[in-house]
Protein backbone atom coordinates (compact mmCIF):
# COMPACT_ATOMS: atom_id res chain seq x y z
CA UNK A 1 -62.87 65.45 90.35
CA UNK A 2 -62.28 61.85 91.00
CA UNK A 3 -60.45 59.70 88.42
CA UNK A 4 -62.56 56.85 87.34
CA UNK A 5 -60.73 53.62 86.89
CA UNK A 6 -61.90 50.47 85.52
CA UNK A 7 -61.46 47.96 88.16
CA UNK A 8 -60.88 45.04 85.81
CA UNK A 9 -58.35 46.90 83.66
CA UNK A 10 -54.83 45.59 84.33
CA UNK A 11 -52.22 47.34 82.19
CA UNK A 12 -49.16 46.48 84.23
CA UNK A 13 -48.50 43.09 82.57
CA UNK A 14 -48.54 44.74 79.09
CA UNK A 15 -46.26 47.64 79.93
CA UNK A 16 -43.14 45.97 78.49
CA UNK A 17 -44.97 45.06 75.29
CA UNK A 18 -46.16 48.61 74.72
CA UNK A 19 -42.64 49.92 75.37
CA UNK A 20 -41.14 47.60 72.76
CA UNK A 21 -43.78 48.52 70.17
CA UNK A 22 -43.13 52.21 70.70
CA UNK A 23 -39.41 51.75 70.44
CA UNK A 24 -39.80 49.75 67.20
CA UNK A 25 -42.10 52.37 65.69
CA UNK A 26 -39.67 55.18 66.53
CA UNK A 27 -36.78 53.27 64.92
CA UNK A 28 -38.81 52.77 61.75
CA UNK A 29 -39.62 56.45 61.52
CA UNK A 30 -35.97 57.43 62.06
CA UNK A 31 -34.82 54.97 59.29
CA UNK A 32 -37.42 56.35 56.83
CA UNK A 33 -36.33 59.90 57.61
CA UNK A 34 -32.67 59.07 56.98
CA UNK A 35 -33.30 57.19 53.72
CA UNK A 36 -35.70 59.70 52.28
CA UNK A 37 -34.39 61.23 49.05
CA UNK A 38 -35.53 64.46 47.43
CA UNK A 39 -34.96 65.37 43.72
CA UNK A 40 -34.89 68.96 42.47
CA UNK A 41 -37.60 69.33 39.90
CA UNK A 42 -36.62 71.41 36.90
CA UNK A 43 -39.41 72.53 34.68
CA UNK A 44 -38.25 73.62 31.24
CA UNK A 45 -39.76 76.02 28.81
CA UNK A 46 -42.36 73.75 27.33
CA UNK A 47 -43.69 76.29 24.89
CA UNK A 48 -40.19 77.08 23.58
CA UNK A 49 -39.42 73.40 23.00
CA UNK A 50 -42.80 72.76 21.41
CA UNK A 51 -42.91 75.67 19.04
CA UNK A 52 -39.26 75.70 18.00
CA UNK A 53 -39.07 76.59 14.34
CA UNK A 54 -37.38 74.23 11.93
CA UNK A 55 -34.61 75.47 9.67
CA UNK A 56 -35.60 75.19 6.03
CA UNK A 57 -32.81 74.45 3.54
CA UNK A 58 -33.14 74.96 -0.18
CA UNK A 59 -31.67 71.99 -2.15
CA UNK A 60 -30.95 72.97 -5.76
CA UNK A 61 -32.05 70.56 -8.51
CA UNK A 62 -29.04 69.14 -10.36
CA UNK A 63 -28.79 67.12 -13.56
CA UNK A 64 -26.47 64.12 -14.07
CA UNK A 65 -24.10 64.81 -16.93
CA UNK A 66 -22.84 61.63 -18.60
CA UNK A 67 -19.26 61.69 -19.79
CA UNK A 68 -19.17 61.09 -23.53
CA UNK A 69 -16.14 59.10 -24.62
CA UNK A 70 -14.65 59.97 -27.99
CA UNK A 71 -14.99 57.28 -30.70
CA UNK A 72 -11.99 54.96 -31.17
CA UNK A 73 -9.57 55.91 -33.91
CA UNK A 74 -9.95 54.10 -37.24
CA UNK A 75 -7.69 51.10 -37.87
CA UNK A 76 -4.45 51.81 -39.69
CA UNK A 77 -4.40 51.31 -43.42
CA UNK A 78 -2.89 48.01 -44.57
CA UNK A 79 0.59 47.99 -45.94
CA UNK A 80 1.00 47.92 -49.66
CA UNK A 81 1.70 44.37 -50.82
CA UNK A 82 4.18 44.21 -53.63
CA UNK A 83 3.65 41.37 -56.09
CA UNK A 84 6.93 39.83 -57.28
CA UNK A 85 6.95 37.70 -60.40
CA UNK A 86 8.25 34.10 -60.02
CA UNK A 87 11.60 33.64 -61.67
CA UNK A 88 11.91 29.89 -61.13
CA UNK A 89 9.75 27.38 -62.95
CA UNK A 90 7.88 24.87 -60.81
CA UNK A 91 8.12 21.31 -62.13
CA UNK A 92 5.02 19.31 -61.34
CA UNK A 93 5.47 15.73 -60.23
CA UNK A 94 3.19 13.20 -61.90
CA UNK A 95 2.38 10.08 -59.89
CA UNK A 96 2.29 6.96 -62.02
CA UNK A 97 -0.28 4.29 -61.35
CA UNK A 98 0.97 1.08 -59.78
CA UNK A 99 -1.87 -1.08 -61.09
CA UNK A 100 -0.87 -3.88 -63.44
CA UNK A 101 -2.42 -4.75 -66.72
CA UNK A 102 -3.19 -8.13 -68.23
CA UNK A 103 -0.49 -7.53 -70.81
CA UNK A 104 2.17 -7.24 -68.12
CA UNK A 105 3.64 -10.33 -66.51
CA UNK A 106 5.88 -10.99 -63.57
CA UNK A 107 8.92 -13.12 -64.04
CA UNK A 108 9.49 -15.57 -61.17
CA UNK A 109 12.94 -17.02 -60.81
CA UNK A 110 13.34 -20.52 -59.52
CA UNK A 111 15.07 -20.92 -56.20
CA UNK A 112 17.99 -23.24 -56.50
CA UNK A 113 18.39 -24.23 -52.86
CA UNK A 114 16.26 -23.84 -49.75
CA UNK A 115 18.38 -23.17 -46.72
CA UNK A 116 16.93 -24.91 -43.70
CA UNK A 117 17.53 -23.12 -40.43
CA UNK A 118 18.00 -25.53 -37.59
CA UNK A 119 17.13 -24.10 -34.24
CA UNK A 120 19.50 -25.04 -31.51
CA UNK A 121 17.93 -27.02 -28.75
CA UNK A 122 17.87 -25.36 -25.40
CA UNK A 123 20.34 -26.75 -22.95
CA UNK A 124 18.39 -28.74 -20.46
CA UNK A 125 18.98 -27.91 -16.86
CA UNK A 126 18.50 -30.08 -13.84
CA UNK A 127 15.37 -29.16 -11.90
CA UNK A 128 15.76 -29.27 -8.11
CA UNK A 129 13.76 -31.94 -6.35
CA UNK A 130 12.12 -29.33 -4.10
CA UNK A 131 10.32 -27.51 -6.98
CA UNK A 132 9.60 -30.33 -9.45
CA UNK A 133 5.95 -30.53 -10.49
CA UNK A 134 5.82 -34.34 -10.55
CA UNK A 135 8.66 -35.85 -8.46
CA UNK A 136 10.39 -39.11 -9.40
CA UNK A 137 8.72 -42.22 -8.04
CA UNK A 138 10.70 -44.78 -6.08
CA UNK A 139 9.71 -48.39 -6.82
CA UNK A 140 6.77 -49.36 -4.62
CA UNK A 141 5.71 -45.79 -3.68
CA UNK A 142 2.08 -44.85 -4.33
CA UNK A 143 -0.40 -42.15 -3.36
CA UNK A 144 -0.54 -38.42 -3.98
CA UNK A 145 2.39 -36.30 -5.14
CA UNK A 146 3.24 -35.33 -1.59
CA UNK A 147 3.03 -38.95 -0.43
CA UNK A 148 5.24 -40.15 -3.29
CA UNK A 149 7.75 -37.41 -2.52
CA UNK A 150 7.98 -38.32 1.16
CA UNK A 151 8.10 -42.04 0.32
CA UNK A 152 11.10 -41.46 -2.00
CA UNK A 153 12.98 -39.58 0.73
CA UNK A 154 12.26 -42.29 3.30
CA UNK A 155 13.33 -45.09 0.92
CA UNK A 156 16.62 -43.37 0.04
CA UNK A 157 17.39 -42.77 3.74
CA UNK A 158 16.61 -46.41 4.55
CA UNK A 159 18.78 -47.60 1.65
CA UNK A 160 21.78 -45.53 2.84
CA UNK A 161 21.45 -46.66 6.47
CA UNK A 162 21.36 -50.28 5.32
CA UNK A 163 24.29 -50.24 2.87
CA UNK A 164 26.69 -47.63 4.27
CA UNK A 165 29.70 -49.06 6.10
CA UNK A 166 29.53 -47.06 9.31
CA UNK A 167 32.52 -48.83 10.87
CA UNK A 168 34.70 -47.17 8.24
CA UNK A 169 34.34 -43.80 10.01
CA UNK A 170 35.68 -45.25 13.27
CA UNK A 171 38.88 -46.54 11.57
CA UNK A 172 39.87 -43.20 10.00
CA UNK A 173 41.02 -41.58 13.24
CA UNK A 174 38.55 -38.67 13.03
CA UNK A 175 37.73 -36.57 16.06
CA UNK A 176 34.62 -37.65 17.96
CA UNK A 177 31.31 -35.97 17.17
CA UNK A 178 28.90 -35.63 14.25
CA UNK A 179 30.31 -35.68 10.71
CA UNK A 180 28.28 -34.85 7.62
CA UNK A 181 28.68 -35.99 4.04
CA UNK A 182 26.74 -34.15 1.34
CA UNK A 183 25.93 -36.24 -1.71
CA UNK A 184 24.44 -34.73 -4.88
CA UNK A 185 23.18 -36.86 -7.75
CA UNK A 186 20.85 -36.72 -10.72
CA UNK A 187 17.79 -38.78 -11.65
CA UNK A 188 17.75 -38.55 -15.45
CA UNK A 189 14.86 -38.80 -17.94
CA UNK A 190 15.00 -42.60 -17.74
CA UNK A 191 14.96 -42.65 -13.95
CA UNK A 192 18.58 -43.79 -13.64
CA UNK A 193 21.08 -42.44 -11.11
CA UNK A 194 24.13 -40.64 -12.52
CA UNK A 195 26.47 -37.67 -12.00
CA UNK A 196 27.01 -38.61 -8.34
CA UNK A 197 29.26 -36.26 -6.35
CA UNK A 198 30.11 -36.13 -2.64
CA UNK A 199 31.78 -33.76 -0.17
CA UNK A 200 32.78 -34.87 3.31
CA UNK A 201 35.45 -34.83 6.02
CA UNK A 202 37.47 -37.66 4.37
CA UNK A 203 38.01 -38.99 0.85
CA UNK A 204 37.19 -42.58 1.84
CA UNK A 205 33.87 -41.44 3.31
CA UNK A 206 33.08 -39.59 0.07
CA UNK A 207 33.83 -42.70 -2.03
CA UNK A 208 31.68 -44.86 0.25
CA UNK A 209 28.76 -42.40 -0.06
CA UNK A 210 29.05 -42.39 -3.87
CA UNK A 211 29.14 -46.22 -3.93
CA UNK A 212 25.98 -46.47 -1.81
CA UNK A 213 24.00 -43.91 -3.88
CA UNK A 214 24.89 -45.68 -7.14
CA UNK A 215 23.20 -48.81 -5.76
CA UNK A 216 19.80 -47.06 -5.79
CA UNK A 217 17.28 -48.77 -8.11
CA UNK A 218 15.93 -47.27 -11.30
CA UNK A 219 12.94 -44.95 -10.66
CA UNK A 220 10.09 -43.45 -12.61
CA UNK A 221 11.49 -40.14 -13.92
CA UNK A 222 10.16 -36.80 -12.73
CA UNK A 223 8.02 -34.64 -15.03
CA UNK A 224 7.75 -30.93 -15.64
CA UNK A 225 4.79 -29.82 -17.78
CA UNK A 226 4.04 -33.49 -18.50
CA UNK A 227 7.52 -34.01 -20.00
CA UNK A 228 10.25 -36.19 -18.41
CA UNK A 229 13.10 -34.06 -17.07
CA UNK A 230 16.31 -34.46 -15.14
CA UNK A 231 15.99 -33.94 -11.40
CA UNK A 232 18.83 -33.03 -9.04
CA UNK A 233 18.76 -34.43 -5.51
CA UNK A 234 20.93 -33.52 -2.51
CA UNK A 235 21.31 -36.10 0.25
CA UNK A 236 23.00 -35.27 3.59
CA UNK A 237 24.48 -38.26 5.44
CA UNK A 238 25.24 -37.80 9.15
CA UNK A 239 27.79 -40.01 10.94
CA UNK A 240 28.52 -40.05 14.68
CA UNK A 241 32.14 -40.71 15.67
CA UNK A 242 32.45 -42.19 19.17
CA UNK A 243 35.35 -41.89 21.56
CA UNK A 244 37.81 -44.76 21.11
């Protein structure tokens, strides 16, 4: 018998493809065979589980018995109170009325002398120039309180520079440099200068400073609470001693 072949069939070019497909299919079957798992099937006694009888328990009926507490004991009988008779007599106090009657009169004695109490005047103190309400006014100064205050300071400084004998400091043989003289004086209620004191490096300089301050003119006095008061003023005087 002759084998019939199809002349146009050409399987040689597809031989490699068919080989690969067969190899792949065999690998898949081997993998499924290795990974296949089987579970033992246990079939229980269905009828025994279904028709298992339940255990019946008899629960007795009980009653709740309330505990009855005994009644509290009666309160103790009160003690016998013995009545004792008072032996001392109580004297009642009668309050007399303090109202006066028309028939009564009050005797008023005449006072021979009336003693007059004289209050001692408070000792006036000097008020510092820095805290005075209304500062003293130097002649010719006008303006506000602050302007009058500054004007007084400028006028006093100008007066000292004009009248102080500066050459006196050079003749006293003092060491060269700055020398200060502190002068303190009072502007009284009338605006006059008094109680002038000085402290400096030499007695002659102190006397000269006192002389110059006493030459200050009379001023309008300072006021505290609208009343004239005494005002204390401190004036520093600086002198420069040159090398001779």
